[in-house]
Amino acid sequence: MSEGTQFYYNLSTGSVEEGRQSSGAELMGPYATRQEAERALQTAAARNEKWEDADEDWEDYGTPPAKPDTAH
């Protein structure tokens, strides 16, 4: 990240802060732009969904496919 202004999304207030103004426990970031910080929750949700999908794929790795039903 560059040395320029950084933006943070404040989880407690739901607002964007220019520079670190609050406790780190309340913040998401840093982000390069105000717009990126405004989308922090949506970005996190999308990443979480992607990671959950990857976890499911990992848990299924090496599981033999189900045997077809041969009883007729």
PDB file of N, CA and C in Angstrom:
ATOM      1  N   MET A   1       0.854  -1.167   0.000  1.00  0.00           N
ATOM      2  CA  MET A   1       0.000   0.000   0.000  1.00  0.00           C
ATOM      3  C   MET A   1       0.897   1.225   0.000  1.00  0.00           C
ATOM      4  N   SER A   2       0.473   2.263  -0.649  1.00  0.00           N
ATOM      5  CA  SER A   2       1.280   3.472  -0.763  1.00  0.00           C
ATOM      6  C   SER A   2       1.310   4.236   0.554  1.00  0.00           C
ATOM      7  N   GLU A   3       2.129   5.257   0.590  1.00  0.00           N
ATOM      8  CA  GLU A   3       2.279   6.084   1.783  1.00  0.00           C
ATOM      9  C   GLU A   3       1.181   7.130   1.890  1.00  0.00           C
ATOM     10  N   GLY A   4       0.254   7.197   0.919  1.00  0.00           N
ATOM     11  CA  GLY A   4      -0.797   8.214   0.919  1.00  0.00           C
ATOM     12  C   GLY A   4      -1.835   7.991   1.996  1.00  0.00           C
ATOM     13  N   THR A   5      -2.894   8.752   1.902  1.00  0.00           N
ATOM     14  CA  THR A   5      -3.987   8.663   2.860  1.00  0.00           C
ATOM     15  C   THR A   5      -4.601   7.273   2.834  1.00  0.00           C
ATOM     16  N   GLN A   6      -4.890   6.751   4.003  1.00  0.00           N
ATOM     17  CA  GLN A   6      -5.536   5.462   4.122  1.00  0.00           C
ATOM     18  C   GLN A   6      -6.900   5.653   4.768  1.00  0.00           C
ATOM     19  N   PHE A   7      -7.845   4.789   4.394  1.00  0.00           N
ATOM     20  CA  PHE A   7      -9.210   4.878   4.885  1.00  0.00           C
ATOM     21  C   PHE A   7      -9.552   3.592   5.622  1.00  0.00           C
ATOM     22  N   TYR A   8     -10.392   3.731   6.625  1.00  0.00           N
ATOM     23  CA  TYR A   8     -10.805   2.607   7.463  1.00  0.00           C
ATOM     24  C   TYR A   8     -12.321   2.615   7.603  1.00  0.00           C
ATOM     25  N   TYR A   9     -12.905   1.418   7.671  1.00  0.00           N
ATOM     26  CA  TYR A   9     -14.325   1.291   7.946  1.00  0.00           C
ATOM     27  C   TYR A   9     -14.475   1.013   9.432  1.00  0.00           C
ATOM     28  N   ASN A  10     -15.246   1.834  10.126  1.00  0.00           N
ATOM     29  CA  ASN A  10     -15.458   1.682  11.561  1.00  0.00           C
ATOM     30  C   ASN A  10     -16.683   0.801  11.783  1.00  0.00           C
ATOM     31  N   LEU A  11     -16.467  -0.366  12.362  1.00  0.00           N
ATOM     32  CA  LEU A  11     -17.550  -1.320  12.599  1.00  0.00           C
ATOM     33  C   LEU A  11     -18.552  -0.819  13.627  1.00  0.00           C
ATOM     34  N   SER A  12     -18.114  -0.008  14.568  1.00  0.00           N
ATOM     35  CA  SER A  12     -19.004   0.489  15.620  1.00  0.00           C
ATOM     36  C   SER A  12     -19.948   1.573  15.112  1.00  0.00           C
ATOM     37  N   THR A  13     -19.430   2.450  14.278  1.00  0.00           N
ATOM     38  CA  THR A  13     -20.240   3.581  13.814  1.00  0.00           C
ATOM     39  C   THR A  13     -20.803   3.386  12.413  1.00  0.00           C
ATOM     40  N   GLY A  14     -20.208   2.470  11.641  1.00  0.00           N
ATOM     41  CA  GLY A  14     -20.637   2.275  10.257  1.00  0.00           C
ATOM     42  C   GLY A  14     -20.158   3.374   9.330  1.00  0.00           C
ATOM     43  N   SER A  15     -19.174   4.124   9.773  1.00  0.00           N
ATOM     44  CA  SER A  15     -18.683   5.226   8.946  1.00  0.00           C
ATOM     45  C   SER A  15     -17.242   4.971   8.520  1.00  0.00           C
ATOM     46  N   VAL A  16     -16.807   5.747   7.539  1.00  0.00           N
ATOM     47  CA  VAL A  16     -15.446   5.666   7.026  1.00  0.00           C
ATOM     48  C   VAL A  16     -14.612   6.753   7.692  1.00  0.00           C
ATOM     49  N   GLU A  17     -13.429   6.364   8.124  1.00  0.00           N
ATOM     50  CA  GLU A  17     -12.506   7.313   8.740  1.00  0.00           C
ATOM     51  C   GLU A  17     -11.319   7.535   7.809  1.00  0.00           C
ATOM     52  N   GLU A  18     -10.920   8.765   7.693  1.00  0.00           N
ATOM     53  CA  GLU A  18      -9.724   9.084   6.929  1.00  0.00           C
ATOM     54  C   GLU A  18      -8.559   9.073   7.900  1.00  0.00           C
ATOM     55  N   GLY A  19      -7.676   8.095   7.744  1.00  0.00           N
ATOM     56  CA  GLY A  19      -6.613   7.888   8.713  1.00  0.00           C
ATOM     57  C   GLY A  19      -7.142   7.104   9.890  1.00  0.00           C
ATOM     58  N   ARG A  20      -6.238   6.581  10.673  1.00  0.00           N
ATOM     59  CA  ARG A  20      -6.623   5.738  11.816  1.00  0.00           C
ATOM     60  C   ARG A  20      -7.002   6.635  12.986  1.00  0.00           C
ATOM     61  N   GLN A  21      -8.302   6.694  13.279  1.00  0.00           N
ATOM     62  CA  GLN A  21      -8.801   7.562  14.338  1.00  0.00           C
ATOM     63  C   GLN A  21      -9.337   6.779  15.533  1.00  0.00           C
ATOM     64  N   SER A  22      -9.662   5.522  15.326  1.00  0.00           N
ATOM     65  CA  SER A  22     -10.286   4.714  16.379  1.00  0.00           C
ATOM     66  C   SER A  22      -9.418   3.506  16.694  1.00  0.00           C
ATOM     67  N   SER A  23      -9.839   2.782  17.710  1.00  0.00           N
ATOM     68  CA  SER A  23      -9.153   1.555  18.116  1.00  0.00           C
ATOM     69  C   SER A  23      -9.138   0.555  16.964  1.00  0.00           C
ATOM     70  N   GLY A  24      -8.041  -0.155  16.831  1.00  0.00           N
ATOM     71  CA  GLY A  24      -7.917  -1.148  15.764  1.00  0.00           C
ATOM     72  C   GLY A  24      -8.972  -2.234  15.827  1.00  0.00           C
ATOM     73  N   ALA A  25      -9.484  -2.529  17.020  1.00  0.00           N
ATOM     74  CA  ALA A  25     -10.514  -3.556  17.163  1.00  0.00           C
ATOM     75  C   ALA A  25     -11.827  -3.146  16.505  1.00  0.00           C
ATOM     76  N   GLU A  26     -12.008  -1.864  16.279  1.00  0.00           N
ATOM     77  CA  GLU A  26     -13.239  -1.347  15.680  1.00  0.00           C
ATOM     78  C   GLU A  26     -13.120  -1.143  14.174  1.00  0.00           C
ATOM     79  N   LEU A  27     -11.930  -1.342  13.620  1.00  0.00           N
ATOM     80  CA  LEU A  27     -11.683  -0.942  12.241  1.00  0.00           C
ATOM     81  C   LEU A  27     -11.440  -2.110  11.307  1.00  0.00           C
ATOM     82  N   MET A  28     -11.841  -1.911  10.065  1.00  0.00           N
ATOM     83  CA  MET A  28     -11.451  -2.772   8.958  1.00  0.00           C
ATOM     84  C   MET A  28     -10.621  -1.896   8.031  1.00  0.00           C
ATOM     85  N   GLY A  29      -9.524  -2.432   7.542  1.00  0.00           N
ATOM     86  CA  GLY A  29      -8.688  -1.653   6.654  1.00  0.00           C
ATOM     87  C   GLY A  29      -7.232  -1.833   7.017  1.00  0.00           C
ATOM     88  N   PRO A  30      -6.381  -1.098   6.391  1.00  0.00           N
ATOM     89  CA  PRO A  30      -6.644   0.119   5.637  1.00  0.00           C
ATOM     90  C   PRO A  30      -7.024  -0.161   4.182  1.00  0.00           C
ATOM     91  N   TYR A  31      -7.704   0.801   3.603  1.00  0.00           N
ATOM     92  CA  TYR A  31      -8.087   0.791   2.199  1.00  0.00           C
ATOM     93  C   TYR A  31      -7.481   2.003   1.517  1.00  0.00           C
ATOM     94  N   ALA A  32      -7.216   1.874   0.239  1.00  0.00           N
ATOM     95  CA  ALA A  32      -6.577   2.947  -0.519  1.00  0.00           C
ATOM     96  C   ALA A  32      -7.542   4.086  -0.823  1.00  0.00           C
ATOM     97  N   THR A  33      -8.847   3.770  -0.933  1.00  0.00           N
ATOM     98  CA  THR A  33      -9.823   4.806  -1.279  1.00  0.00           C
ATOM     99  C   THR A  33     -11.002   4.768  -0.319  1.00  0.00           C
ATOM    100  N   ARG A  34     -11.714   5.866  -0.247  1.00  0.00           N
ATOM    101  CA  ARG A  34     -12.928   5.943   0.564  1.00  0.00           C
ATOM    102  C   ARG A  34     -13.962   4.943   0.068  1.00  0.00           C
ATOM    103  N   GLN A  35     -14.072   4.790  -1.251  1.00  0.00           N
ATOM    104  CA  GLN A  35     -15.057   3.873  -1.833  1.00  0.00           C
ATOM    105  C   GLN A  35     -14.768   2.424  -1.434  1.00  0.00           C
ATOM    106  N   GLU A  36     -13.498   2.034  -1.415  1.00  0.00           N
ATOM    107  CA  GLU A  36     -13.154   0.677  -0.983  1.00  0.00           C
ATOM    108  C   GLU A  36     -13.544   0.467   0.476  1.00  0.00           C
ATOM    109  N   ALA A  37     -13.294   1.457   1.312  1.00  0.00           N
ATOM    110  CA  ALA A  37     -13.654   1.361   2.728  1.00  0.00           C
ATOM    111  C   ALA A  37     -15.168   1.279   2.900  1.00  0.00           C
ATOM    112  N   GLU A  38     -15.925   2.012   2.086  1.00  0.00           N
ATOM    113  CA  GLU A  38     -17.390   1.966   2.166  1.00  0.00           C
ATOM    114  C   GLU A  38     -17.922   0.580   1.835  1.00  0.00           C
ATOM    115  N   ARG A  39     -17.202  -0.162   0.996  1.00  0.00           N
ATOM    116  CA  ARG A  39     -17.625  -1.509   0.587  1.00  0.00           C
ATOM    117  C   ARG A  39     -16.985  -2.609   1.446  1.00  0.00           C
ATOM    118  N   ALA A  40     -16.397  -2.247   2.574  1.00  0.00           N
ATOM    119  CA  ALA A  40     -15.652  -3.205   3.395  1.00  0.00           C
ATOM    120  C   ALA A  40     -16.489  -4.423   3.784  1.00  0.00           C
ATOM    121  N   LEU A  41     -17.719  -4.216   4.211  1.00  0.00           N
ATOM    122  CA  LEU A  41     -18.543  -5.345   4.649  1.00  0.00           C
ATOM    123  C   LEU A  41     -18.902  -6.260   3.475  1.00  0.00           C
ATOM    124  N   GLN A  42     -19.216  -5.676   2.324  1.00  0.00           N
ATOM    125  CA  GLN A  42     -19.541  -6.489   1.147  1.00  0.00           C
ATOM    126  C   GLN A  42     -18.312  -7.269   0.679  1.00  0.00           C
ATOM    127  N   THR A  43     -17.152  -6.635   0.711  1.00  0.00           N
ATOM    128  CA  THR A  43     -15.920  -7.303   0.313  1.00  0.00           C
ATOM    129  C   THR A  43     -15.625  -8.469   1.244  1.00  0.00           C
ATOM    130  N   ALA A  44     -15.776  -8.246   2.552  1.00  0.00           N
ATOM    131  CA  ALA A  44     -15.529  -9.307   3.530  1.00  0.00           C
ATOM    132  C   ALA A  44     -16.511 -10.456   3.343  1.00  0.00           C
ATOM    133  N   ALA A  45     -17.775 -10.143   3.087  1.00  0.00           N
ATOM    134  CA  ALA A  45     -18.779 -11.195   2.893  1.00  0.00           C
ATOM    135  C   ALA A  45     -18.454 -12.031   1.661  1.00  0.00           C
ATOM    136  N   ALA A  46     -18.035 -11.387   0.579  1.00  0.00           N
ATOM    137  CA  ALA A  46     -17.684 -12.112  -0.643  1.00  0.00           C
ATOM    138  C   ALA A  46     -16.471 -13.001  -0.415  1.00  0.00           C
ATOM    139  N   ARG A  47     -15.469 -12.504   0.304  1.00  0.00           N
ATOM    140  CA  ARG A  47     -14.284 -13.312   0.601  1.00  0.00           C
ATOM    141  C   ARG A  47     -14.647 -14.495   1.485  1.00  0.00           C
ATOM    142  N   ASN A  48     -15.489 -14.273   2.487  1.00  0.00           N
ATOM    143  CA  ASN A  48     -15.900 -15.363   3.368  1.00  0.00           C
ATOM    144  C   ASN A  48     -16.618 -16.458   2.596  1.00  0.00           C
ATOM    145  N   GLU A  49     -17.490 -16.062   1.684  1.00  0.00           N
ATOM    146  CA  GLU A  49     -18.217 -17.045   0.878  1.00  0.00           C
ATOM    147  C   GLU A  49     -17.245 -17.859   0.027  1.00  0.00           C
ATOM    148  N   LYS A  50     -16.282 -17.192  -0.566  1.00  0.00           N
ATOM    149  CA  LYS A  50     -15.286 -17.870  -1.392  1.00  0.00           C
ATOM    150  C   LYS A  50     -14.480 -18.849  -0.544  1.00  0.00           C
ATOM    151  N   TRP A  51     -14.086 -18.435   0.664  1.00  0.00           N
ATOM    152  CA  TRP A  51     -13.321 -19.314   1.551  1.00  0.00           C
ATOM    153  C   TRP A  51     -14.160 -20.488   2.016  1.00  0.00           C
ATOM    154  N   GLU A  52     -15.447 -20.274   2.295  1.00  0.00           N
ATOM    155  CA  GLU A  52     -16.316 -21.370   2.702  1.00  0.00           C
ATOM    156  C   GLU A  52     -16.457 -22.398   1.584  1.00  0.00           C
ATOM    157  N   ASP A  53     -16.588 -21.920   0.349  1.00  0.00           N
ATOM    158  CA  ASP A  53     -16.652 -22.834  -0.791  1.00  0.00           C
ATOM    159  C   ASP A  53     -15.365 -23.639  -0.914  1.00  0.00           C
ATOM    160  N   ALA A  54     -14.230 -22.974  -0.722  1.00  0.00           N
ATOM    161  CA  ALA A  54     -12.943 -23.667  -0.789  1.00  0.00           C
ATOM    162  C   ALA A  54     -12.821 -24.688   0.333  1.00  0.00           C
ATOM    163  N   ASP A  55     -13.316 -24.349   1.515  1.00  0.00           N
ATOM    164  CA  ASP A  55     -13.299 -25.299   2.631  1.00  0.00           C
ATOM    165  C   ASP A  55     -14.126 -26.535   2.307  1.00  0.00           C
ATOM    166  N   GLU A  56     -15.292 -26.343   1.706  1.00  0.00           N
ATOM    167  CA  GLU A  56     -16.135 -27.481   1.336  1.00  0.00           C
ATOM    168  C   GLU A  56     -15.425 -28.362   0.324  1.00  0.00           C
ATOM    169  N   ASP A  57     -14.774 -27.730  -0.657  1.00  0.00           N
ATOM    170  CA  ASP A  57     -14.022 -28.508  -1.650  1.00  0.00           C
ATOM    171  C   ASP A  57     -12.901 -29.292  -0.979  1.00  0.00           C
ATOM    172  N   TRP A  58     -12.222 -28.675  -0.020  1.00  0.00           N
ATOM    173  CA  TRP A  58     -11.131 -29.328   0.683  1.00  0.00           C
ATOM    174  C   TRP A  58     -11.651 -30.510   1.505  1.00  0.00           C
ATOM    175  N   GLU A  59     -12.772 -30.317   2.178  1.00  0.00           N
ATOM    176  CA  GLU A  59     -13.335 -31.390   2.997  1.00  0.00           C
ATOM    177  C   GLU A  59     -13.767 -32.576   2.143  1.00  0.00           C
ATOM    178  N   ASP A  60     -14.179 -32.311   0.901  1.00  0.00           N
ATOM    179  CA  ASP A  60     -14.606 -33.384   0.002  1.00  0.00           C
ATOM    180  C   ASP A  60     -13.443 -34.027  -0.747  1.00  0.00           C
ATOM    181  N   TYR A  61     -12.254 -33.433  -0.653  1.00  0.00           N
ATOM    182  CA  TYR A  61     -11.105 -33.939  -1.398  1.00  0.00           C
ATOM    183  C   TYR A  61     -10.772 -35.358  -0.941  1.00  0.00           C
ATOM    184  N   GLY A  62     -10.643 -36.246  -1.893  1.00  0.00           N
ATOM    185  CA  GLY A  62     -10.279 -37.617  -1.586  1.00  0.00           C
ATOM    186  C   GLY A  62     -11.436 -38.496  -1.190  1.00  0.00           C
ATOM    187  N   THR A  63     -12.634 -37.935  -1.108  1.00  0.00           N
ATOM    188  CA  THR A  63     -13.809 -38.739  -0.783  1.00  0.00           C
ATOM    189  C   THR A  63     -14.215 -39.507  -2.028  1.00  0.00           C
ATOM    190  N   PRO A  64     -14.312 -40.821  -1.940  1.00  0.00           N
ATOM    191  CA  PRO A  64     -14.710 -41.579  -3.123  1.00  0.00           C
ATOM    192  C   PRO A  64     -16.129 -41.216  -3.548  1.00  0.00           C
ATOM    193  N   PRO A  65     -16.386 -41.242  -4.824  1.00  0.00           N
ATOM    194  CA  PRO A  65     -17.738 -40.927  -5.287  1.00  0.00           C
ATOM    195  C   PRO A  65     -18.733 -41.966  -4.771  1.00  0.00           C
ATOM    196  N   ALA A  66     -19.962 -41.536  -4.625  1.00  0.00           N
ATOM    197  CA  ALA A  66     -21.008 -42.442  -4.171  1.00  0.00           C
ATOM    198  C   ALA A  66     -21.199 -43.561  -5.182  1.00  0.00           C
ATOM    199  N   LYS A  67     -21.423 -44.768  -4.664  1.00  0.00           N
ATOM    200  CA  LYS A  67     -21.629 -45.906  -5.563  1.00  0.00           C
ATOM    201  C   LYS A  67     -23.052 -45.836  -6.126  1.00  0.00           C
ATOM    202  N   PRO A  68     -23.178 -46.146  -7.400  1.00  0.00           N
ATOM    203  CA  PRO A  68     -24.529 -46.114  -7.975  1.00  0.00           C
ATOM    204  C   PRO A  68     -25.407 -47.184  -7.347  1.00  0.00           C
ATOM    205  N   ASP A  69     -26.684 -46.878  -7.296  1.00  0.00           N
ATOM    206  CA  ASP A  69     -27.659 -47.824  -6.746  1.00  0.00           C
ATOM    207  C   ASP A  69     -27.874 -48.925  -7.757  1.00  0.00           C
ATOM    208  N   THR A  70     -27.444 -50.154  -7.428  1.00  0.00           N
ATOM    209  CA  THR A  70     -27.545 -51.270  -8.365  1.00  0.00           C
ATOM    210  C   THR A  70     -28.734 -52.173  -8.066  1.00  0.00           C
ATOM    211  N   ALA A  71     -29.455 -51.913  -6.997  1.00  0.00           N
ATOM    212  CA  ALA A  71     -30.618 -52.729  -6.655  1.00  0.00           C
ATOM    213  C   ALA A  71     -31.787 -52.316  -7.526  1.00  0.00           C
ATOM    214  N   HIS A  72     -32.307 -53.263  -8.287  1.00  0.00           N
ATOM    215  CA  HIS A  72     -33.464 -52.976  -9.145  1.00  0.00           C
ATOM    216  C   HIS A  72     -34.580 -53.899  -8.873  1.00  0.00           C
TER     217      HIS A  72
END
